[in-house]
Amino acid sequence: MSADKFDMNKLKESAGGLMGSLKSMINPAGSTPVVDPDDALGVKIAQITTLIKQMTDATQEHVKNLEKKQMNY
């Protein structure tokens, strides 16, 4: 067999990892995916996940502050 043989198991593993990362990115409450530093796409997804989580936290804090200010009027 050729060394260049297509390995379906590796494709499934890669696709599974990508789907897990995308699910975490879509669900900011989920944890940041752990990725291999050599996986450029995975690193970017992890960075985006972190930024979305930070944005969600900041938005929730702003809503709390607005509710407090509204109650004081």
PDB file of N, CA and C in Angstrom:
ATOM      1  N   MET A   1       0.829  -1.176   0.000  1.00  0.00           N
ATOM      2  CA  MET A   1       0.000   0.000   0.000  1.00  0.00           C
ATOM      3  C   MET A   1       0.880   1.247   0.000  1.00  0.00           C
ATOM      4  N   SER A   2       0.320   2.273  -0.529  1.00  0.00           N
ATOM      5  CA  SER A   2       1.040   3.524  -0.665  1.00  0.00           C
ATOM      6  C   SER A   2       1.081   4.282   0.664  1.00  0.00           C
ATOM      7  N   ALA A   3       2.153   5.025   0.884  1.00  0.00           N
ATOM      8  CA  ALA A   3       2.282   5.838   2.094  1.00  0.00           C
ATOM      9  C   ALA A   3       1.303   7.008   2.053  1.00  0.00           C
ATOM     10  N   ASP A   4       0.812   7.359   0.870  1.00  0.00           N
ATOM     11  CA  ASP A   4      -0.111   8.466   0.697  1.00  0.00           C
ATOM     12  C   ASP A   4      -1.566   8.017   0.819  1.00  0.00           C
ATOM     13  N   LYS A   5      -1.787   6.822   1.314  1.00  0.00           N
ATOM     14  CA  LYS A   5      -3.135   6.275   1.436  1.00  0.00           C
ATOM     15  C   LYS A   5      -4.005   7.185   2.304  1.00  0.00           C
ATOM     16  N   PHE A   6      -5.220   7.372   1.859  1.00  0.00           N
ATOM     17  CA  PHE A   6      -6.183   8.201   2.575  1.00  0.00           C
ATOM     18  C   PHE A   6      -6.615   7.480   3.848  1.00  0.00           C
ATOM     19  N   ASP A   7      -6.509   8.140   4.968  1.00  0.00           N
ATOM     20  CA  ASP A   7      -6.860   7.532   6.258  1.00  0.00           C
ATOM     21  C   ASP A   7      -8.166   8.146   6.770  1.00  0.00           C
ATOM     22  N   MET A   8      -9.245   7.383   6.657  1.00  0.00           N
ATOM     23  CA  MET A   8     -10.568   7.851   7.065  1.00  0.00           C
ATOM     24  C   MET A   8     -10.628   8.117   8.571  1.00  0.00           C
ATOM     25  N   ASN A   9      -9.915   7.350   9.381  1.00  0.00           N
ATOM     26  CA  ASN A   9      -9.930   7.552  10.827  1.00  0.00           C
ATOM     27  C   ASN A   9      -9.352   8.909  11.215  1.00  0.00           C
ATOM     28  N   LYS A  10      -8.272   9.312  10.552  1.00  0.00           N
ATOM     29  CA  LYS A  10      -7.677  10.626  10.834  1.00  0.00           C
ATOM     30  C   LYS A  10      -8.642  11.740  10.446  1.00  0.00           C
ATOM     31  N   LEU A  11      -9.349  11.548   9.331  1.00  0.00           N
ATOM     32  CA  LEU A  11     -10.324  12.544   8.901  1.00  0.00           C
ATOM     33  C   LEU A  11     -11.450  12.661   9.931  1.00  0.00           C
ATOM     34  N   LYS A  12     -11.929  11.527  10.439  1.00  0.00           N
ATOM     35  CA  LYS A  12     -12.995  11.541  11.445  1.00  0.00           C
ATOM     36  C   LYS A  12     -12.525  12.241  12.722  1.00  0.00           C
ATOM     37  N   GLU A  13     -11.297  11.967  13.152  1.00  0.00           N
ATOM     38  CA  GLU A  13     -10.757  12.598  14.353  1.00  0.00           C
ATOM     39  C   GLU A  13     -10.653  14.110  14.176  1.00  0.00           C
ATOM     40  N   SER A  14     -10.154  14.529  13.020  1.00  0.00           N
ATOM     41  CA  SER A  14     -10.007  15.959  12.745  1.00  0.00           C
ATOM     42  C   SER A  14     -11.365  16.638  12.682  1.00  0.00           C
ATOM     43  N   ALA A  15     -12.304  16.009  11.996  1.00  0.00           N
ATOM     44  CA  ALA A  15     -13.642  16.589  11.881  1.00  0.00           C
ATOM     45  C   ALA A  15     -14.320  16.647  13.247  1.00  0.00           C
ATOM     46  N   GLY A  16     -14.140  15.619  14.050  1.00  0.00           N
ATOM     47  CA  GLY A  16     -14.723  15.607  15.393  1.00  0.00           C
ATOM     48  C   GLY A  16     -14.172  16.723  16.261  1.00  0.00           C
ATOM     49  N   GLY A  17     -12.868  16.926  16.182  1.00  0.00           N
ATOM     50  CA  GLY A  17     -12.243  18.004  16.951  1.00  0.00           C
ATOM     51  C   GLY A  17     -12.716  19.369  16.494  1.00  0.00           C
ATOM     52  N   LEU A  18     -12.856  19.538  15.185  1.00  0.00           N
ATOM     53  CA  LEU A  18     -13.333  20.807  14.637  1.00  0.00           C
ATOM     54  C   LEU A  18     -14.767  21.063  15.076  1.00  0.00           C
ATOM     55  N   MET A  19     -15.614  20.054  15.021  1.00  0.00           N
ATOM     56  CA  MET A  19     -17.008  20.219  15.424  1.00  0.00           C
ATOM     57  C   MET A  19     -17.100  20.559  16.912  1.00  0.00           C
ATOM     58  N   GLY A  20     -16.283  19.922  17.723  1.00  0.00           N
ATOM     59  CA  GLY A  20     -16.274  20.243  19.151  1.00  0.00           C
ATOM     60  C   GLY A  20     -15.862  21.684  19.396  1.00  0.00           C
ATOM     61  N   SER A  21     -14.878  22.141  18.649  1.00  0.00           N
ATOM     62  CA  SER A  21     -14.423  23.521  18.791  1.00  0.00           C
ATOM     63  C   SER A  21     -15.511  24.497  18.352  1.00  0.00           C
ATOM     64  N   LEU A  22     -16.175  24.177  17.251  1.00  0.00           N
ATOM     65  CA  LEU A  22     -17.244  25.050  16.768  1.00  0.00           C
ATOM     66  C   LEU A  22     -18.411  25.091  17.758  1.00  0.00           C
ATOM     67  N   LYS A  23     -18.745  23.947  18.341  1.00  0.00           N
ATOM     68  CA  LYS A  23     -19.819  23.913  19.333  1.00  0.00           C
ATOM     69  C   LYS A  23     -19.459  24.780  20.530  1.00  0.00           C
ATOM     70  N   SER A  24     -18.226  24.731  20.961  1.00  0.00           N
ATOM     71  CA  SER A  24     -17.787  25.549  22.088  1.00  0.00           C
ATOM     72  C   SER A  24     -17.840  27.030  21.741  1.00  0.00           C
ATOM     73  N   MET A  25     -17.507  27.345  20.491  1.00  0.00           N
ATOM     74  CA  MET A  25     -17.519  28.732  20.067  1.00  0.00           C
ATOM     75  C   MET A  25     -18.951  29.247  20.013  1.00  0.00           C
ATOM     76  N   ILE A  26     -19.869  28.427  19.540  1.00  0.00           N
ATOM     77  CA  ILE A  26     -21.258  28.842  19.426  1.00  0.00           C
ATOM     78  C   ILE A  26     -21.893  28.960  20.808  1.00  0.00           C
ATOM     79  N   ASN A  27     -21.476  28.112  21.734  1.00  0.00           N
ATOM     80  CA  ASN A  27     -21.992  28.138  23.095  1.00  0.00           C
ATOM     81  C   ASN A  27     -20.944  28.780  23.996  1.00  0.00           C
ATOM     82  N   PRO A  28     -20.993  30.107  24.144  1.00  0.00           N
ATOM     83  CA  PRO A  28     -19.962  30.786  24.937  1.00  0.00           C
ATOM     84  C   PRO A  28     -19.892  30.325  26.381  1.00  0.00           C
ATOM     85  N   ALA A  29     -20.967  29.739  26.887  1.00  0.00           N
ATOM     86  CA  ALA A  29     -20.943  29.251  28.266  1.00  0.00           C
ATOM     87  C   ALA A  29     -20.055  28.020  28.388  1.00  0.00           C
ATOM     88  N   GLY A  30     -19.792  27.374  27.270  1.00  0.00           N
ATOM     89  CA  GLY A  30     -18.916  26.203  27.267  1.00  0.00           C
ATOM     90  C   GLY A  30     -17.474  26.609  27.492  1.00  0.00           C
ATOM     91  N   SER A  31     -16.650  25.644  27.705  1.00  0.00           N
ATOM     92  CA  SER A  31     -15.245  25.939  27.967  1.00  0.00           C
ATOM     93  C   SER A  31     -14.493  26.208  26.672  1.00  0.00           C
ATOM     94  N   THR A  32     -13.366  26.870  26.803  1.00  0.00           N
ATOM     95  CA  THR A  32     -12.510  27.120  25.650  1.00  0.00           C
ATOM     96  C   THR A  32     -11.865  25.805  25.234  1.00  0.00           C
ATOM     97  N   PRO A  33     -11.927  25.493  23.945  1.00  0.00           N
ATOM     98  CA  PRO A  33     -11.363  24.207  23.515  1.00  0.00           C
ATOM     99  C   PRO A  33      -9.849  24.155  23.713  1.00  0.00           C
ATOM    100  N   VAL A  34      -9.370  22.995  24.060  1.00  0.00           N
ATOM    101  CA  VAL A  34      -7.932  22.770  24.194  1.00  0.00           C
ATOM    102  C   VAL A  34      -7.449  22.312  22.828  1.00  0.00           C
ATOM    103  N   VAL A  35      -6.488  23.036  22.281  1.00  0.00           N
ATOM    104  CA  VAL A  35      -6.029  22.733  20.923  1.00  0.00           C
ATOM    105  C   VAL A  35      -4.531  22.529  20.894  1.00  0.00           C
ATOM    106  N   ASP A  36      -4.108  21.845  19.879  1.00  0.00           N
ATOM    107  CA  ASP A  36      -2.684  21.649  19.609  1.00  0.00           C
ATOM    108  C   ASP A  36      -2.121  22.981  19.100  1.00  0.00           C
ATOM    109  N   PRO A  37      -1.043  23.493  19.669  1.00  0.00           N
ATOM    110  CA  PRO A  37      -0.477  24.768  19.226  1.00  0.00           C
ATOM    111  C   PRO A  37      -0.081  24.778  17.746  1.00  0.00           C
ATOM    112  N   ASP A  38       0.110  23.610  17.169  1.00  0.00           N
ATOM    113  CA  ASP A  38       0.467  23.532  15.752  1.00  0.00           C
ATOM    114  C   ASP A  38      -0.766  23.578  14.844  1.00  0.00           C
ATOM    115  N   ASP A  39      -1.962  23.544  15.435  1.00  0.00           N
ATOM    116  CA  ASP A  39      -3.208  23.576  14.683  1.00  0.00           C
ATOM    117  C   ASP A  39      -3.665  25.024  14.578  1.00  0.00           C
ATOM    118  N   ALA A  40      -3.315  25.686  13.481  1.00  0.00           N
ATOM    119  CA  ALA A  40      -3.592  27.116  13.323  1.00  0.00           C
ATOM    120  C   ALA A  40      -5.082  27.416  13.395  1.00  0.00           C
ATOM    121  N   LEU A  41      -5.906  26.616  12.755  1.00  0.00           N
ATOM    122  CA  LEU A  41      -7.348  26.842  12.785  1.00  0.00           C
ATOM    123  C   LEU A  41      -7.890  26.654  14.204  1.00  0.00           C
ATOM    124  N   GLY A  42      -7.435  25.630  14.877  1.00  0.00           N
ATOM    125  CA  GLY A  42      -7.872  25.393  16.249  1.00  0.00           C
ATOM    126  C   GLY A  42      -7.492  26.525  17.177  1.00  0.00           C
ATOM    127  N   VAL A  43      -6.299  27.067  16.995  1.00  0.00           N
ATOM    128  CA  VAL A  43      -5.840  28.190  17.822  1.00  0.00           C
ATOM    129  C   VAL A  43      -6.735  29.404  17.590  1.00  0.00           C
ATOM    130  N   LYS A  44      -7.063  29.678  16.330  1.00  0.00           N
ATOM    131  CA  LYS A  44      -7.932  30.813  16.011  1.00  0.00           C
ATOM    132  C   LYS A  44      -9.322  30.617  16.606  1.00  0.00           C
ATOM    133  N   ILE A  45      -9.854  29.399  16.530  1.00  0.00           N
ATOM    134  CA  ILE A  45     -11.167  29.120  17.109  1.00  0.00           C
ATOM    135  C   ILE A  45     -11.128  29.321  18.620  1.00  0.00           C
ATOM    136  N   ALA A  46     -10.055  28.889  19.260  1.00  0.00           N
ATOM    137  CA  ALA A  46      -9.914  29.084  20.704  1.00  0.00           C
ATOM    138  C   ALA A  46      -9.852  30.578  21.042  1.00  0.00           C
ATOM    139  N   GLN A  47      -9.146  31.354  20.232  1.00  0.00           N
ATOM    140  CA  GLN A  47      -9.063  32.800  20.459  1.00  0.00           C
ATOM    141  C   GLN A  47     -10.431  33.451  20.298  1.00  0.00           C
ATOM    142  N   ILE A  48     -11.165  33.058  19.265  1.00  0.00           N
ATOM    143  CA  ILE A  48     -12.499  33.600  19.032  1.00  0.00           C
ATOM    144  C   ILE A  48     -13.424  33.227  20.186  1.00  0.00           C
ATOM    145  N   THR A  49     -13.320  31.990  20.650  1.00  0.00           N
ATOM    146  CA  THR A  49     -14.147  31.540  21.774  1.00  0.00           C
ATOM    147  C   THR A  49     -13.883  32.394  23.007  1.00  0.00           C
ATOM    148  N   THR A  50     -12.626  32.672  23.274  1.00  0.00           N
ATOM    149  CA  THR A  50     -12.254  33.500  24.424  1.00  0.00           C
ATOM    150  C   THR A  50     -12.826  34.910  24.275  1.00  0.00           C
ATOM    151  N   LEU A  51     -12.725  35.474  23.080  1.00  0.00           N
ATOM    152  CA  LEU A  51     -13.249  36.823  22.852  1.00  0.00           C
ATOM    153  C   LEU A  51     -14.772  36.861  22.979  1.00  0.00           C
ATOM    154  N   ILE A  52     -15.451  35.847  22.481  1.00  0.00           N
ATOM    155  CA  ILE A  52     -16.914  35.796  22.608  1.00  0.00           C
ATOM    156  C   ILE A  52     -17.312  35.694  24.078  1.00  0.00           C
ATOM    157  N   LYS A  53     -16.586  34.899  24.836  1.00  0.00           N
ATOM    158  CA  LYS A  53     -16.874  34.758  26.270  1.00  0.00           C
ATOM    159  C   LYS A  53     -16.680  36.093  26.986  1.00  0.00           C
ATOM    160  N   GLN A  54     -15.611  36.805  26.651  1.00  0.00           N
ATOM    161  CA  GLN A  54     -15.358  38.105  27.262  1.00  0.00           C
ATOM    162  C   GLN A  54     -16.460  39.096  26.899  1.00  0.00           C
ATOM    163  N   MET A  55     -16.896  39.072  25.637  1.00  0.00           N
ATOM    164  CA  MET A  55     -17.947  39.966  25.183  1.00  0.00           C
ATOM    165  C   MET A  55     -19.270  39.642  25.884  1.00  0.00           C
ATOM    166  N   THR A  56     -19.575  38.363  26.037  1.00  0.00           N
ATOM    167  CA  THR A  56     -20.801  37.946  26.717  1.00  0.00           C
ATOM    168  C   THR A  56     -20.782  38.391  28.181  1.00  0.00           C
ATOM    169  N   ASP A  57     -19.662  38.208  28.837  1.00  0.00           N
ATOM    170  CA  ASP A  57     -19.538  38.630  30.238  1.00  0.00           C
ATOM    171  C   ASP A  57     -19.707  40.143  30.376  1.00  0.00           C
ATOM    172  N   ALA A  58     -19.084  40.901  29.470  1.00  0.00           N
ATOM    173  CA  ALA A  58     -19.193  42.359  29.519  1.00  0.00           C
ATOM    174  C   ALA A  58     -20.631  42.806  29.253  1.00  0.00           C
ATOM    175  N   THR A  59     -21.303  42.163  28.321  1.00  0.00           N
ATOM    176  CA  THR A  59     -22.698  42.492  28.016  1.00  0.00           C
ATOM    177  C   THR A  59     -23.582  42.230  29.226  1.00  0.00           C
ATOM    178  N   GLN A  60     -23.380  41.102  29.881  1.00  0.00           N
ATOM    179  CA  GLN A  60     -24.175  40.787  31.071  1.00  0.00           C
ATOM    180  C   GLN A  60     -23.934  41.807  32.178  1.00  0.00           C
ATOM    181  N   GLU A  61     -22.709  42.242  32.326  1.00  0.00           N
ATOM    182  CA  GLU A  61     -22.382  43.249  33.346  1.00  0.00           C
ATOM    183  C   GLU A  61     -23.056  44.578  33.011  1.00  0.00           C
ATOM    184  N   HIS A  62     -23.066  44.969  31.730  1.00  0.00           N
ATOM    185  CA  HIS A  62     -23.729  46.205  31.311  1.00  0.00           C
ATOM    186  C   HIS A  62     -25.230  46.136  31.588  1.00  0.00           C
ATOM    187  N   VAL A  63     -25.832  44.999  31.315  1.00  0.00           N
ATOM    188  CA  VAL A  63     -27.265  44.827  31.570  1.00  0.00           C
ATOM    189  C   VAL A  63     -27.551  44.983  33.061  1.00  0.00           C
ATOM    190  N   LYS A  64     -26.728  44.379  33.906  1.00  0.00           N
ATOM    191  CA  LYS A  64     -26.910  44.513  35.356  1.00  0.00           C
ATOM    192  C   LYS A  64     -26.813  45.978  35.781  1.00  0.00           C
ATOM    193  N   ASN A  65     -25.827  46.684  35.235  1.00  0.00           N
ATOM    194  CA  ASN A  65     -25.651  48.097  35.587  1.00  0.00           C
ATOM    195  C   ASN A  65     -26.836  48.937  35.120  1.00  0.00           C
ATOM    196  N   LEU A  66     -27.340  48.662  33.930  1.00  0.00           N
ATOM    197  CA  LEU A  66     -28.495  49.401  33.423  1.00  0.00           C
ATOM    198  C   LEU A  66     -29.730  49.132  34.272  1.00  0.00           C
ATOM    199  N   GLU A  67     -29.917  47.888  34.700  1.00  0.00           N
ATOM    200  CA  GLU A  67     -31.056  47.549  35.547  1.00  0.00           C
ATOM    201  C   GLU A  67     -30.962  48.274  36.892  1.00  0.00           C
ATOM    202  N   LYS A  68     -29.765  48.360  37.453  1.00  0.00           N
ATOM    203  CA  LYS A  68     -29.585  49.057  38.723  1.00  0.00           C
ATOM    204  C   LYS A  68     -29.906  50.537  38.567  1.00  0.00           C
ATOM    205  N   LYS A  69     -29.428  51.147  37.467  1.00  0.00           N
ATOM    206  CA  LYS A  69     -29.663  52.558  37.230  1.00  0.00           C
ATOM    207  C   LYS A  69     -31.158  52.823  37.014  1.00  0.00           C
ATOM    208  N   GLN A  70     -31.825  51.926  36.321  1.00  0.00           N
ATOM    209  CA  GLN A  70     -33.246  52.083  36.055  1.00  0.00           C
ATOM    210  C   GLN A  70     -34.037  51.993  37.356  1.00  0.00           C
ATOM    211  N   MET A  71     -33.626  51.141  38.272  1.00  0.00           N
ATOM    212  CA  MET A  71     -34.329  50.994  39.549  1.00  0.00           C
ATOM    213  C   MET A  71     -34.161  52.251  40.413  1.00  0.00           C
ATOM    214  N   ASN A  72     -33.070  52.982  40.217  1.00  0.00           N
ATOM    215  CA  ASN A  72     -32.820  54.170  41.014  1.00  0.00           C
ATOM    216  C   ASN A  72     -33.621  55.373  40.534  1.00  0.00           C
ATOM    217  N   TYR A  73     -34.257  55.303  39.380  1.00  0.00           N
ATOM    218  CA  TYR A  73     -35.039  56.445  38.865  1.00  0.00           C
ATOM    219  C   TYR A  73     -36.429  56.394  39.345  1.00  0.00           C
TER     220      TYR A  73
END
